[in-house]
Protein backbone atom coordinates (compact mmCIF):
# COMPACT_ATOMS: atom_id res chain seq x y z
CA UNK A 1 20.40 0.17 12.76
CA UNK A 2 17.77 -2.42 11.81
CA UNK A 3 14.20 -1.44 11.00
CA UNK A 4 12.89 -4.90 11.85
CA UNK A 5 14.39 -5.26 15.31
CA UNK A 6 13.54 -1.62 16.12
CA UNK A 7 9.83 -2.24 15.45
CA UNK A 8 7.94 -2.84 18.75
CA UNK A 9 4.88 -4.47 17.13
CA UNK A 10 5.98 -6.43 14.10
CA UNK A 11 7.48 -9.59 15.62
CA UNK A 12 4.47 -10.42 17.78
CA UNK A 13 2.02 -9.69 15.00
CA UNK A 14 3.89 -12.23 12.92
CA UNK A 15 3.95 -14.66 15.84
CA UNK A 16 0.17 -14.50 16.16
CA UNK A 17 -0.85 -14.35 12.52
CA UNK A 18 1.66 -16.39 10.52
CA UNK A 19 1.96 -20.16 10.53
CA UNK A 20 4.97 -21.79 12.20
CA UNK A 21 6.32 -22.70 8.77
CA UNK A 22 5.99 -19.16 7.48
CA UNK A 23 7.53 -17.68 10.66
CA UNK A 24 10.56 -19.91 10.34
CA UNK A 25 11.25 -18.47 6.89
CA UNK A 26 10.01 -14.93 7.40
CA UNK A 27 11.79 -13.96 10.60
CA UNK A 28 15.39 -14.39 9.40
CA UNK A 29 14.44 -12.82 6.07
CA UNK A 30 13.03 -9.72 7.80
CA UNK A 31 16.07 -9.54 10.10
CA UNK A 32 18.33 -9.42 7.04
CA UNK A 33 16.06 -7.03 5.14
CA UNK A 34 15.69 -4.77 8.21
CA UNK A 35 19.45 -4.30 8.29
CA UNK A 36 19.74 -3.91 4.52
CA UNK A 37 16.87 -1.43 4.45
CA UNK A 38 18.48 0.80 7.06
CA UNK A 39 22.13 0.43 6.09
CA UNK A 40 22.18 -0.18 2.30
CA UNK A 41 18.90 0.95 0.77
CA UNK A 42 18.26 4.11 2.80
CA UNK A 43 21.46 5.92 1.71
CA UNK A 44 20.79 4.92 -1.91
CA UNK A 45 17.18 6.13 -1.62
CA UNK A 46 18.38 9.54 -0.45
CA UNK A 47 20.74 9.82 -3.42
CA UNK A 48 18.08 8.71 -5.91
CA UNK A 49 15.58 11.20 -4.50
CA UNK A 50 18.10 14.04 -4.86
CA UNK A 51 18.99 12.95 -8.43
CA UNK A 52 15.71 12.19 -10.24
CA UNK A 53 15.68 10.42 -13.65
CA UNK A 54 16.01 12.26 -16.93
CA UNK A 55 14.71 11.54 -20.41
CA UNK A 56 17.10 10.78 -23.27
CA UNK A 57 14.71 10.64 -26.25
CA UNK A 58 17.37 10.35 -28.96
CA UNK A 59 20.88 9.00 -29.27
CA UNK A 60 23.81 10.96 -30.67
CA UNK A 61 22.86 9.96 -34.21
CA UNK A 62 19.32 11.22 -33.84
CA UNK A 63 17.74 7.80 -33.49
CA UNK A 64 14.82 7.59 -31.06
CA UNK A 65 15.71 5.74 -27.85
CA UNK A 66 12.88 6.50 -25.35
CA UNK A 67 15.56 6.00 -22.70
CA UNK A 68 15.01 6.94 -19.09
CA UNK A 69 18.36 7.60 -17.50
CA UNK A 70 18.49 6.83 -13.76
CA UNK A 71 21.08 7.74 -11.17
CA UNK A 72 23.37 4.77 -10.35
CA UNK A 73 21.87 4.68 -6.83
CA UNK A 74 18.50 3.83 -8.31
CA UNK A 75 19.97 1.08 -10.43
CA UNK A 76 21.75 -0.37 -7.39
CA UNK A 77 18.47 -0.36 -5.43
CA UNK A 78 16.89 -2.22 -8.32
CA UNK A 79 19.55 -4.88 -8.17
CA UNK A 80 18.91 -5.31 -4.44
CA UNK A 81 15.11 -5.23 -4.47
CA UNK A 82 14.27 -6.86 -7.82
CA UNK A 83 17.34 -9.07 -7.89
CA UNK A 84 18.52 -10.14 -4.44
CA UNK A 85 15.13 -10.04 -2.76
CA UNK A 86 12.92 -10.73 -5.77
CA UNK A 87 10.29 -8.28 -4.55
CA UNK A 88 8.20 -8.42 -7.71
CA UNK A 89 8.68 -12.16 -8.20
CA UNK A 90 7.79 -13.59 -4.82
CA UNK A 91 4.05 -13.70 -5.50
CA UNK A 92 4.65 -16.00 -8.45
CA UNK A 93 7.39 -18.48 -7.68
CA UNK A 94 9.25 -20.23 -4.91
CA UNK A 95 11.72 -17.92 -3.15
CA UNK A 96 13.40 -17.43 0.21
CA UNK A 97 12.65 -21.01 1.24
CA UNK A 98 9.01 -21.13 0.12
CA UNK A 99 8.55 -23.96 -2.37
CA UNK A 100 5.67 -22.22 -4.14
CA UNK A 101 4.84 -18.52 -4.19
CA UNK A 102 5.45 -16.42 -1.10
CA UNK A 103 2.08 -15.97 0.71
CA UNK A 104 0.42 -12.57 0.82
CA UNK A 105 1.13 -11.88 4.49
CA UNK A 106 4.94 -12.28 4.25
CA UNK A 107 4.95 -10.33 0.98
CA UNK A 108 3.14 -7.35 2.43
CA UNK A 109 5.25 -7.34 5.58
CA UNK A 110 8.38 -7.34 3.45
CA UNK A 111 6.91 -4.37 1.56
CA UNK A 112 6.15 -2.63 4.85
CA UNK A 113 9.78 -3.00 5.87
CA UNK A 114 11.60 -1.89 2.71
CA UNK A 115 9.33 1.11 1.98
CA UNK A 116 10.54 2.63 5.24
CA UNK A 117 13.64 3.49 3.21
CA UNK A 118 12.40 3.83 -0.41
CA UNK A 119 8.93 4.67 -1.62
CA UNK A 120 9.55 5.49 -5.26
CA UNK A 121 10.69 2.06 -6.37
CA UNK A 122 7.63 0.51 -4.67
CA UNK A 123 5.59 1.63 -7.70
CA UNK A 124 7.50 -0.40 -10.36
CA UNK A 125 7.82 -3.30 -7.96
CA UNK A 126 4.07 -3.35 -7.37
CA UNK A 127 3.22 -2.86 -11.04
CA UNK A 128 5.64 -5.55 -12.18
CA UNK A 129 4.10 -7.95 -9.66
CA UNK A 130 0.52 -7.09 -10.58
CA UNK A 131 1.19 -7.04 -14.34
CA UNK A 132 2.47 -10.62 -14.08
CA UNK A 133 -0.57 -11.56 -12.01
CA UNK A 134 -2.96 -10.04 -14.53
CA UNK A 135 -1.22 -11.62 -17.55
CA UNK A 136 -1.19 -15.02 -15.84
CA UNK A 137 -4.88 -14.74 -15.08
CA UNK A 138 -6.06 -13.55 -18.49
CA UNK A 139 -3.26 -14.11 -20.98
CA UNK A 140 -4.27 -17.64 -21.97
CA UNK A 141 -1.65 -19.67 -23.79
CA UNK A 142 -0.19 -16.88 -25.91
CA UNK A 143 3.59 -17.64 -26.11
CA UNK A 144 4.53 -13.94 -26.22
CA UNK A 145 2.56 -13.28 -23.02
CA UNK A 146 4.10 -16.34 -21.40
CA UNK A 147 7.61 -15.05 -22.18
CA UNK A 148 6.71 -11.64 -20.83
CA UNK A 149 5.53 -13.22 -17.58
CA UNK A 150 8.71 -15.30 -17.35
CA UNK A 151 10.83 -12.17 -17.48
CA UNK A 152 8.55 -10.11 -15.24
CA UNK A 153 9.05 -12.68 -12.46
CA UNK A 154 12.76 -13.17 -13.16
CA UNK A 155 15.40 -12.10 -10.65
CA UNK A 156 18.23 -12.49 -13.14
CA UNK A 157 19.81 -9.92 -15.47
CA UNK A 158 17.14 -10.57 -18.10
CA UNK A 159 14.34 -9.38 -15.80
CA UNK A 160 11.63 -7.02 -16.98
CA UNK A 161 9.73 -4.33 -15.13
CA UNK A 162 6.05 -3.64 -15.72
CA UNK A 163 3.68 -0.68 -15.87
CA UNK A 164 0.12 0.24 -16.71
CA UNK A 165 -0.87 3.11 -19.02
CA UNK A 166 -4.46 3.92 -18.14
CA UNK A 167 -4.86 7.62 -17.35
CA UNK A 168 -5.61 10.15 -20.09
CA UNK A 169 -6.30 13.88 -19.93
CA UNK A 170 -10.05 13.36 -20.01
CA UNK A 171 -10.10 9.75 -18.74
CA UNK A 172 -8.63 9.39 -15.27
CA UNK A 173 -11.47 8.32 -13.01
CA UNK A 174 -13.91 7.96 -15.93
CA UNK A 175 -12.33 5.19 -18.01
CA UNK A 176 -15.35 5.16 -20.38
CA UNK A 177 -13.92 8.38 -21.84
CA UNK A 178 -10.73 6.64 -23.01
CA UNK A 179 -9.74 7.97 -26.42
CA UNK A 180 -6.71 5.80 -27.22
CA UNK A 181 -7.66 3.32 -29.90
CA UNK A 182 -6.52 -0.15 -30.95
CA UNK A 183 -6.55 -1.20 -34.60
CA UNK A 184 -6.19 -4.80 -35.78
CA UNK A 185 -3.11 -5.72 -37.79
CA UNK A 186 -3.04 -9.39 -38.69
CA UNK A 187 -3.12 -11.35 -35.47
CA UNK A 188 -1.89 -8.36 -33.47
CA UNK A 189 -2.91 -4.79 -32.71
CA UNK A 190 -1.62 -1.27 -33.19
CA UNK A 191 -2.27 1.39 -30.55
CA UNK A 192 -2.77 5.12 -31.14
CA UNK A 193 -3.39 7.93 -28.75
CA UNK A 194 -1.99 9.65 -25.68
CA UNK A 195 -1.54 8.55 -22.08
CA UNK A 196 -1.13 11.37 -19.59
CA UNK A 197 0.27 9.89 -16.39
CA UNK A 198 2.40 6.84 -16.92
CA UNK A 199 4.54 5.76 -13.97
CA UNK A 200 7.60 3.62 -14.58
CA UNK A 201 7.54 5.20 -18.01
CA UNK A 202 10.50 3.19 -19.28
CA UNK A 203 8.99 -0.21 -18.40
CA UNK A 204 9.68 -3.26 -20.54
CA UNK A 205 6.09 -4.51 -20.47
CA UNK A 206 3.06 -2.24 -20.17
CA UNK A 207 -0.65 -3.03 -19.89
CA UNK A 208 -2.61 -0.44 -21.85
CA UNK A 209 -6.32 0.35 -22.08
CA UNK A 210 -7.60 1.35 -25.52
CA UNK A 211 -10.88 1.38 -27.47
CA UNK A 212 -11.38 -1.39 -29.99
CA UNK A 213 -13.39 -1.42 -33.24
CA UNK A 214 -17.10 -2.13 -32.72
CA UNK A 215 -16.94 -1.72 -28.97
CA UNK A 216 -19.50 0.21 -26.94
CA UNK A 217 -18.52 3.87 -27.30
CA UNK A 218 -20.15 4.99 -24.06
CA UNK A 219 -19.06 2.43 -21.45
CA UNK A 220 -15.94 0.63 -20.24
CA UNK A 221 -17.11 -2.44 -22.19
CA UNK A 222 -15.74 -0.69 -25.27
CA UNK A 223 -12.24 -0.57 -23.73
CA UNK A 224 -9.89 -3.50 -24.24
CA UNK A 225 -6.69 -4.51 -22.43
CA UNK A 226 -3.46 -4.88 -24.39
CA UNK A 227 0.12 -5.86 -23.57
CA UNK A 228 2.58 -3.43 -25.12
CA UNK A 229 6.27 -4.39 -25.01
CA UNK A 230 9.04 -1.79 -25.09
CA UNK A 231 10.52 -3.65 -28.02
CA UNK A 232 8.70 -5.42 -30.84
CA UNK A 233 9.27 -9.13 -31.54
CA UNK A 234 11.96 -8.25 -34.10
CA UNK A 235 13.93 -6.39 -31.39
CA UNK A 236 13.28 -2.88 -32.71
CA UNK A 237 11.96 -0.12 -30.46
CA UNK A 238 8.17 -0.05 -30.27
CA UNK A 239 6.23 2.79 -31.89
CA UNK A 240 5.52 5.09 -28.98
CA UNK A 241 7.24 8.13 -27.57
CA UNK A 242 7.90 9.27 -24.01
CA UNK A 243 7.16 12.96 -24.59
CA UNK A 244 8.38 14.24 -21.21
CA UNK A 245 8.82 13.20 -17.58
CA UNK A 246 6.70 14.64 -14.81
CA UNK A 247 8.25 16.95 -12.22
CA UNK A 248 6.53 15.47 -9.18
CA UNK A 249 6.19 16.46 -5.56
CA UNK A 250 7.25 13.03 -4.34
CA UNK A 251 8.43 9.61 -5.54
CA UNK A 252 11.06 11.61 -7.34
CA UNK A 253 13.40 8.61 -7.79
CA UNK A 254 10.94 6.93 -10.19
CA UNK A 255 10.05 8.20 -13.67
CA UNK A 256 6.47 9.13 -14.50
CA UNK A 257 5.87 10.39 -18.01
CA UNK A 258 3.50 11.34 -20.81
CA UNK A 259 3.25 8.86 -23.64
CA UNK A 260 2.30 9.24 -27.30
CA UNK A 261 1.17 5.96 -28.92
CA UNK A 262 2.08 6.05 -32.63
CA UNK A 263 0.87 2.71 -33.90
CA UNK A 264 2.54 0.80 -31.10
CA UNK A 265 2.59 -2.99 -31.48
CA UNK A 266 0.51 -4.75 -28.83
CA UNK A 267 -1.01 -8.11 -27.94
CA UNK A 268 -4.62 -8.56 -26.84
CA UNK A 269 -5.11 -9.70 -23.23
CA UNK A 270 -8.23 -11.73 -22.43
CA UNK A 271 -11.68 -10.75 -23.69
CA UNK A 272 -11.89 -7.37 -25.40
CA UNK A 273 -15.10 -6.29 -23.68
CA UNK A 274 -13.72 -7.19 -20.28
CA UNK A 275 -10.54 -5.14 -20.65
CA UNK A 276 -11.20 -2.69 -17.87
CA UNK A 277 -12.52 -5.37 -15.52
CA UNK A 278 -9.29 -7.32 -16.10
CA UNK A 279 -7.20 -4.22 -15.48
CA UNK A 280 -8.96 -3.72 -12.14
CA UNK A 281 -7.14 -6.83 -10.90
CA UNK A 282 -3.98 -4.83 -11.24
CA UNK A 283 -5.54 -1.68 -9.82
CA UNK A 284 -7.04 -3.38 -6.73
CA UNK A 285 -3.78 -5.08 -5.81
CA UNK A 286 -1.99 -1.75 -6.19
CA UNK A 287 -4.57 -0.12 -3.92
CA UNK A 288 -3.77 -2.53 -1.12
CA UNK A 289 -0.07 -1.96 -1.68
CA UNK A 290 -0.72 1.77 -1.27
CA UNK A 291 -2.25 1.13 2.14
CA UNK A 292 0.77 -0.94 3.17
CA UNK A 293 3.13 1.81 2.03
CA UNK A 294 1.17 4.42 3.95
CA UNK A 295 1.69 2.52 7.21
CA UNK A 296 5.34 2.10 6.30
CA UNK A 297 5.82 5.85 5.89
CA UNK A 298 4.11 6.45 9.23
CA UNK A 299 6.34 3.88 10.90
CA UNK A 300 9.53 5.52 9.55
CA UNK A 301 8.24 8.88 10.77
CA UNK A 302 7.57 7.45 14.23
CA UNK A 303 11.01 5.82 14.32
CA UNK A 304 12.70 9.15 13.51
CA UNK A 305 10.50 11.08 15.99
CA UNK A 306 11.29 8.57 18.74
CA UNK A 307 15.03 8.70 18.12
CA UNK A 308 14.92 12.50 18.24
CA UNK A 309 12.72 12.65 21.36
CA UNK A 310 15.05 10.30 23.22
CA UNK A 311 18.15 12.37 22.44
CA UNK A 312 16.90 15.93 22.50
CA UNK A 313 16.95 17.72 25.90
CA UNK A 314 14.74 20.79 26.38
CA UNK A 315 14.52 22.79 29.62
CA UNK A 316 16.58 20.16 31.37
CA UNK A 317 14.36 17.20 30.40
CA UNK A 318 14.53 14.79 27.44
CA UNK A 319 11.72 15.48 25.03
CA UNK A 320 10.33 12.01 25.57
CA UNK A 321 9.68 12.96 29.21
CA UNK A 322 7.58 15.98 28.21
CA UNK A 323 3.83 15.27 28.53
CA UNK A 324 2.75 16.82 25.23
CA UNK A 325 5.54 15.03 23.41
CA UNK A 326 4.43 11.76 24.95
CA UNK A 327 0.90 12.44 23.71
CA UNK A 328 2.25 12.99 20.18
CA UNK A 329 4.27 9.78 20.25
CA UNK A 330 1.36 7.84 21.71
CA UNK A 331 -0.97 8.98 18.92
CA UNK A 332 1.67 8.10 16.26
CA UNK A 333 2.16 4.70 17.85
CA UNK A 334 -1.61 4.11 17.77
CA UNK A 335 -1.69 5.10 14.10
CA UNK A 336 1.13 2.77 13.16
CA UNK A 337 0.14 -0.28 15.17
CA UNK A 338 -3.53 -0.09 14.26
CA UNK A 339 -2.61 0.41 10.60
CA UNK A 340 -0.19 -2.49 10.60
CA UNK A 341 -2.83 -4.72 12.15
CA UNK A 342 -5.23 -3.62 9.41
CA UNK A 343 -2.95 -4.60 6.53
CA UNK A 344 -2.16 -7.92 8.20
CA UNK A 345 -5.96 -8.55 8.35
CA UNK A 346 -6.29 -7.66 4.67
CA UNK A 347 -3.42 -9.94 3.66
CA UNK A 348 -4.95 -12.88 5.57
CA UNK A 349 -8.31 -12.43 3.89
CA UNK A 350 -6.63 -12.13 0.48
CA UNK A 351 -4.82 -15.42 1.02
CA UNK A 352 -8.11 -17.11 1.92
CA UNK A 353 -9.88 -15.53 -1.06
CA UNK A 354 -7.20 -16.83 -3.42
CA UNK A 355 -7.84 -20.29 -1.93
CA UNK A 356 -11.52 -20.03 -2.88
CA UNK A 357 -13.11 -18.70 0.31
CA UNK A 358 -16.19 -16.69 -0.81
CA UNK A 359 -16.56 -14.91 2.55
CA UNK A 360 -12.94 -13.79 2.41
CA UNK A 361 -13.46 -12.61 -1.18
CA UNK A 362 -16.35 -10.41 -0.04
CA UNK A 363 -14.25 -9.05 2.83
CA UNK A 364 -11.36 -8.23 0.48
CA UNK A 365 -13.78 -6.38 -1.74
CA UNK A 366 -14.57 -3.89 1.03
CA UNK A 367 -11.35 -4.00 3.06
CA UNK A 368 -9.09 -2.95 0.21
CA UNK A 369 -10.83 0.41 -0.46
CA UNK A 370 -11.39 1.01 3.28
CA UNK A 371 -7.69 0.52 4.01
CA UNK A 372 -6.60 2.78 1.18
CA UNK A 373 -9.21 5.47 2.01
CA UNK A 374 -8.22 5.87 5.64
CA UNK A 375 -4.55 4.90 5.89
CA UNK A 376 -3.34 6.94 2.91
CA UNK A 377 -5.04 10.07 4.20
CA UNK A 378 -3.78 9.51 7.71
CA UNK A 379 -0.21 9.07 6.48
CA UNK A 380 -0.23 12.68 5.28
CA UNK A 381 -1.03 13.89 8.78
CA UNK A 382 1.16 11.44 10.68
CA UNK A 383 4.30 12.11 8.63
CA UNK A 384 3.68 15.85 9.06
CA UNK A 385 3.45 15.37 12.84
CA UNK A 386 6.67 13.39 12.83
CA UNK A 387 8.36 16.17 10.85
CA UNK A 388 7.18 18.78 13.36
CA UNK A 389 8.63 16.78 16.24
CA UNK A 390 12.15 17.29 14.80
CA UNK A 391 11.44 21.03 14.63
CA UNK A 392 13.19 23.21 12.05
CA UNK A 393 15.57 20.44 11.09
CA UNK A 394 12.59 18.33 10.16
CA UNK A 395 11.87 20.81 7.36
CA UNK A 396 15.37 20.53 5.95
CA UNK A 397 15.91 18.12 3.05
CA UNK A 398 19.08 16.64 4.58
CA UNK A 399 16.74 14.74 6.93
CA UNK A 400 14.30 12.10 5.76
CA UNK A 401 11.11 13.81 7.07
CA UNK A 402 10.47 16.02 4.03
CA UNK A 403 10.71 13.01 1.73
CA UNK A 404 8.22 11.10 3.88
CA UNK A 405 5.78 13.98 3.76
CA UNK A 406 6.12 14.42 0.00
CA UNK A 407 5.75 10.71 -0.68
CA UNK A 408 2.79 10.35 1.70
CA UNK A 409 0.64 12.69 -0.40
CA UNK A 410 0.70 10.35 -3.36
CA UNK A 411 -1.14 7.48 -1.68
CA UNK A 412 -4.49 9.27 -1.62
CA UNK A 413 -4.25 10.05 -5.32
CA UNK A 414 -2.63 6.94 -6.82
CA UNK A 415 -5.05 4.28 -8.09
CA UNK A 416 -8.06 6.45 -7.29
CA UNK A 417 -8.46 9.59 -5.17
CA UNK A 418 -10.27 9.32 -1.84
CA UNK A 419 -13.73 10.18 -3.20
CA UNK A 420 -13.42 7.48 -5.86
CA UNK A 421 -12.40 4.98 -3.19
CA UNK A 422 -15.29 5.93 -0.91
CA UNK A 423 -17.71 5.27 -3.74
CA UNK A 424 -16.03 1.91 -4.31
CA UNK A 425 -16.86 1.05 -0.68
CA UNK A 426 -20.46 2.05 -1.38
CA UNK A 427 -20.58 -0.24 -4.42
CA UNK A 428 -19.31 -3.19 -2.40
CA UNK A 429 -22.10 -2.56 0.11
CA UNK A 430 -24.81 -2.25 -2.52
CA UNK A 431 -23.78 -5.14 -4.75
CA UNK A 432 -22.76 -7.88 -2.34
CA UNK A 433 -23.62 -6.59 1.15
CA UNK A 434 -19.89 -6.73 2.07
CA UNK A 435 -20.41 -4.48 5.09
CA UNK A 436 -22.70 -7.04 6.75
CA UNK A 437 -20.06 -9.74 6.42
CA UNK A 438 -17.48 -7.34 7.83
CA UNK A 439 -19.54 -6.32 10.86
CA UNK A 440 -20.37 -9.98 11.61
CA UNK A 441 -16.66 -10.79 11.55
CA UNK A 442 -15.81 -7.90 13.89
CA UNK A 443 -18.53 -9.03 16.37
CA UNK A 444 -17.08 -12.54 16.47
CA UNK A 445 -13.64 -11.09 17.23
CA UNK A 446 -15.04 -8.87 19.96
CA UNK A 447 -16.84 -11.76 21.59
CA UNK A 448 -13.47 -13.51 22.04
CA UNK A 449 -12.00 -10.67 24.15
CA UNK A 450 -12.13 -12.18 27.60
CA UNK A 451 -9.53 -10.36 29.74
CA UNK A 452 -11.07 -8.08 32.37
CA UNK A 453 -8.68 -5.26 31.54
CA UNK A 454 -10.19 -5.10 28.03
CA UNK A 455 -13.84 -5.18 29.06
CA UNK A 456 -14.30 -1.40 28.80
CA UNK A 457 -12.75 -1.37 25.33
CA UNK A 458 -14.76 -4.41 24.22
CA UNK A 459 -18.05 -2.87 25.25
CA UNK A 460 -17.21 0.49 23.68
CA UNK A 461 -16.08 -1.17 20.45
CA UNK A 462 -19.17 -3.37 20.30
CA UNK A 463 -21.43 -0.33 20.67
CA UNK A 464 -19.45 1.49 17.99
CA UNK A 465 -19.67 -1.43 15.52
CA UNK A 466 -23.44 -1.62 16.07
CA UNK A 467 -23.87 2.12 15.58
CA UNK A 468 -21.80 2.12 12.38
CA UNK A 469 -23.74 -0.88 11.12
CA UNK A 470 -26.99 1.05 11.56
CA UNK A 471 -25.49 4.09 9.87
CA UNK A 472 -24.46 1.95 6.90
CA UNK A 473 -28.04 0.79 6.41
CA UNK A 474 -29.31 4.36 6.57
CA UNK A 475 -26.78 5.38 3.94
CA UNK A 476 -27.90 2.53 1.69
CA UNK A 477 -31.51 3.63 1.98
CA UNK A 478 -30.74 7.33 1.31
CA UNK A 479 -31.10 9.09 -2.02
CA UNK A 480 -28.17 8.53 -4.34
CA UNK A 481 -26.54 11.96 -3.88
CA UNK A 482 -27.07 11.88 -0.12
CA UNK A 483 -25.58 8.40 0.14
CA UNK A 484 -22.46 9.53 -1.73
CA UNK A 485 -22.06 12.61 0.48
CA UNK A 486 -22.24 10.44 3.61
CA UNK A 487 -19.74 7.82 2.38
CA UNK A 488 -16.46 9.57 3.13
CA UNK A 489 -17.05 9.88 6.86
CA UNK A 490 -18.68 6.44 6.99
CA UNK A 491 -15.70 4.84 5.26
CA UNK A 492 -13.30 6.38 7.76
CA UNK A 493 -15.42 5.32 10.70
CA UNK A 494 -15.66 1.78 9.35
CA UNK A 495 -11.89 1.68 8.94
CA UNK A 496 -11.16 2.98 12.44
CA UNK A 497 -13.64 0.56 13.98
CA UNK A 498 -11.84 -2.31 12.26
CA UNK A 499 -8.49 -1.04 13.55
CA UNK A 500 -9.78 -0.63 17.05
CA UNK A 501 -11.09 -4.19 17.15
CA UNK A 502 -7.87 -5.59 15.72
CA UNK A 503 -5.74 -3.69 18.22
CA UNK A 504 -7.84 -5.00 21.10
CA UNK A 505 -7.53 -8.51 19.66
CA UNK A 506 -3.74 -8.20 19.55
CA UNK A 507 -3.77 -6.86 23.11
CA UNK A 508 -5.69 -9.95 24.25
CA UNK A 509 -3.09 -12.18 22.62
CA UNK A 510 -0.14 -10.44 24.27
CA UNK A 511 -1.86 -10.50 27.66
CA UNK A 512 -2.56 -14.22 27.30
CA UNK A 513 0.90 -15.14 26.07
CA UNK A 514 3.16 -12.71 27.94
CA UNK A 515 1.02 -10.90 30.55
CA UNK A 516 2.12 -7.81 28.63
CA UNK A 517 -0.26 -4.85 28.59
CA UNK A 518 1.75 -2.65 26.22
CA UNK A 519 -0.63 -3.15 23.27
CA UNK A 520 -3.61 -2.82 25.63
CA UNK A 521 -2.38 0.70 26.38
CA UNK A 522 -2.02 1.43 22.67
CA UNK A 523 -5.55 0.08 22.03
CA UNK A 524 -6.91 2.19 24.87
CA UNK A 525 -5.22 5.30 23.44
CA UNK A 526 -6.58 4.53 19.98
CA UNK A 527 -10.10 4.25 21.36
CA UNK A 528 -9.84 7.49 23.30
CA UNK A 529 -7.90 9.62 20.81
CA UNK A 530 -9.29 8.32 17.50
CA UNK A 531 -12.64 6.62 18.10
CA UNK A 532 -14.05 8.63 21.00
CA UNK A 533 -12.01 11.82 20.44
CA UNK A 534 -12.18 12.26 24.20
CA UNK A 535 -10.11 15.28 25.17
CA UNK A 536 -11.22 15.45 28.77
CA UNK A 537 -8.83 12.80 30.09
CA UNK A 538 -5.22 12.00 29.31
CA UNK A 539 -4.82 8.46 27.93
CA UNK A 540 -3.54 5.96 30.45
CA UNK A 541 -0.65 5.12 28.17
CA UNK A 542 1.00 8.54 28.66
CA UNK A 543 3.02 7.25 31.63
CA UNK A 544 4.30 4.32 29.56
CA UNK A 545 5.27 5.96 26.29
CA UNK A 546 8.98 4.98 26.61
CA UNK A 547 7.91 1.30 26.88
CA UNK A 548 5.32 1.66 24.07
CA UNK A 549 7.71 3.10 21.50
CA UNK A 550 10.51 0.67 22.30
CA UNK A 551 8.44 -2.49 22.84
CA UNK A 552 9.28 -2.96 26.51
CA UNK A 553 6.71 -4.99 28.44
CA UNK A 554 4.13 -3.41 30.70
CA UNK A 555 2.86 -5.85 33.35
CA UNK A 556 -0.63 -6.01 34.81
CA UNK A 557 0.44 -4.61 38.18
CA UNK A 558 1.83 -1.46 36.56
CA UNK A 559 -1.41 -0.32 34.94
CA UNK A 560 -5.07 -0.72 35.71
CA UNK A 561 -7.19 -0.44 32.57
CA UNK A 562 -10.44 -1.32 34.32
CA UNK A 563 -10.86 2.19 35.81
């Protein structure tokens, strides 16, 4: 079993979107990771999920330890993902044949692959990666921060993991209500207060938000960013307590806890008044990672549903030959392939933004919340559909489906619930007109669709983009409360329009290169089932579901998409 070679869409997306140099390095890496994910990591993930971490607050002599005790399977996964593959380090250093950092597109595709087996560890991997990024951007020349970064991006036995402690009982979405405080002590700081939801609670390095003396008491400009190590410079345990671990619905392999800061030693990061703005660098990167993970969970669900439908015989026919089952698999395929195309698009724009492209920076500003808003919510439905396909067994914890469903529900909450994310889209529209840049980009892409078999889709997508563009302007001109009410549905419609265009674009590529209409059928199904919600006609792809889910080619003579 290999999750890379089993994926019908991934190889050609890479072929079209990655440079020849990146493909030469990425393809063998994904082939190896696809096998390891299925054969090594997946069994460990099942064990770790069934045996969640426990808290050992004190040792046998009564000394405080703040130790999170993990099952050996979790530790072994850490050695594979942090160590062998350097998942949290690849954004910062040369690895796997890349002389400098691994580009965003390969990194997110690697994430997409391994999360098909293990979602819980994706949190500490992402936070370690983004903590290093934030500290490198704002940490200046502080030697203690430099050493922390070195160990956060290490793949050796001295490696650190990272976390961020931001949420408080009264200050989740509303960071201005942060009550944790920082007090100066010489050249350093001491932190006091309570953090309510701290994932990767036993991290070695944590970025913490706290109020500082003299700061604005009513806004986020009074909240500074601080680096809090697990151990102080003298090697002793830092002055905070993990009070208890959360008993969570999903991501059970990873420890989330409640933290009491009791004068914890910390180092200032960047400018005090810009603490929250600096932390948003970490939050925004985590939001995009959430979208990638959502697609990954949907892909694993589709893989399991396909395997079951191919084997299971009902009333003398394999399930995959039953029309309604084909419709279910076709919709799941459209979800996964459109979502994968979306995160590839985001990764490309992020790479260009990091290189100084202002247009790409504006696109990233709106694409990141759009991807999280739609894909994380859709993953809850898609993994549930995949569970239902297996029937009663899909509800039993010996199979992977319950874990996929439990984990999928976190994405819409983590790093901002859906309403918060929808309002972030609205801010990007108001402040920088990001929606106009997005719609212009989509129109350029639609204009390049030349194959006759895609003309119906191109025209329908162009009309949809124009209609959503007009809606966006009406929302911007509406009263504040009305605009906010309208944003949830607008954000979803913007996201699905993007996905429809990208699917059609990939279909054009595969027609041009291979005369293969498989993705054209997926794009047509996405337009009919998701965009148009047309229930009067069965999608044309129904007859070709076995080819769609396995990646077999569909030639032009076999299907006429012009009627």
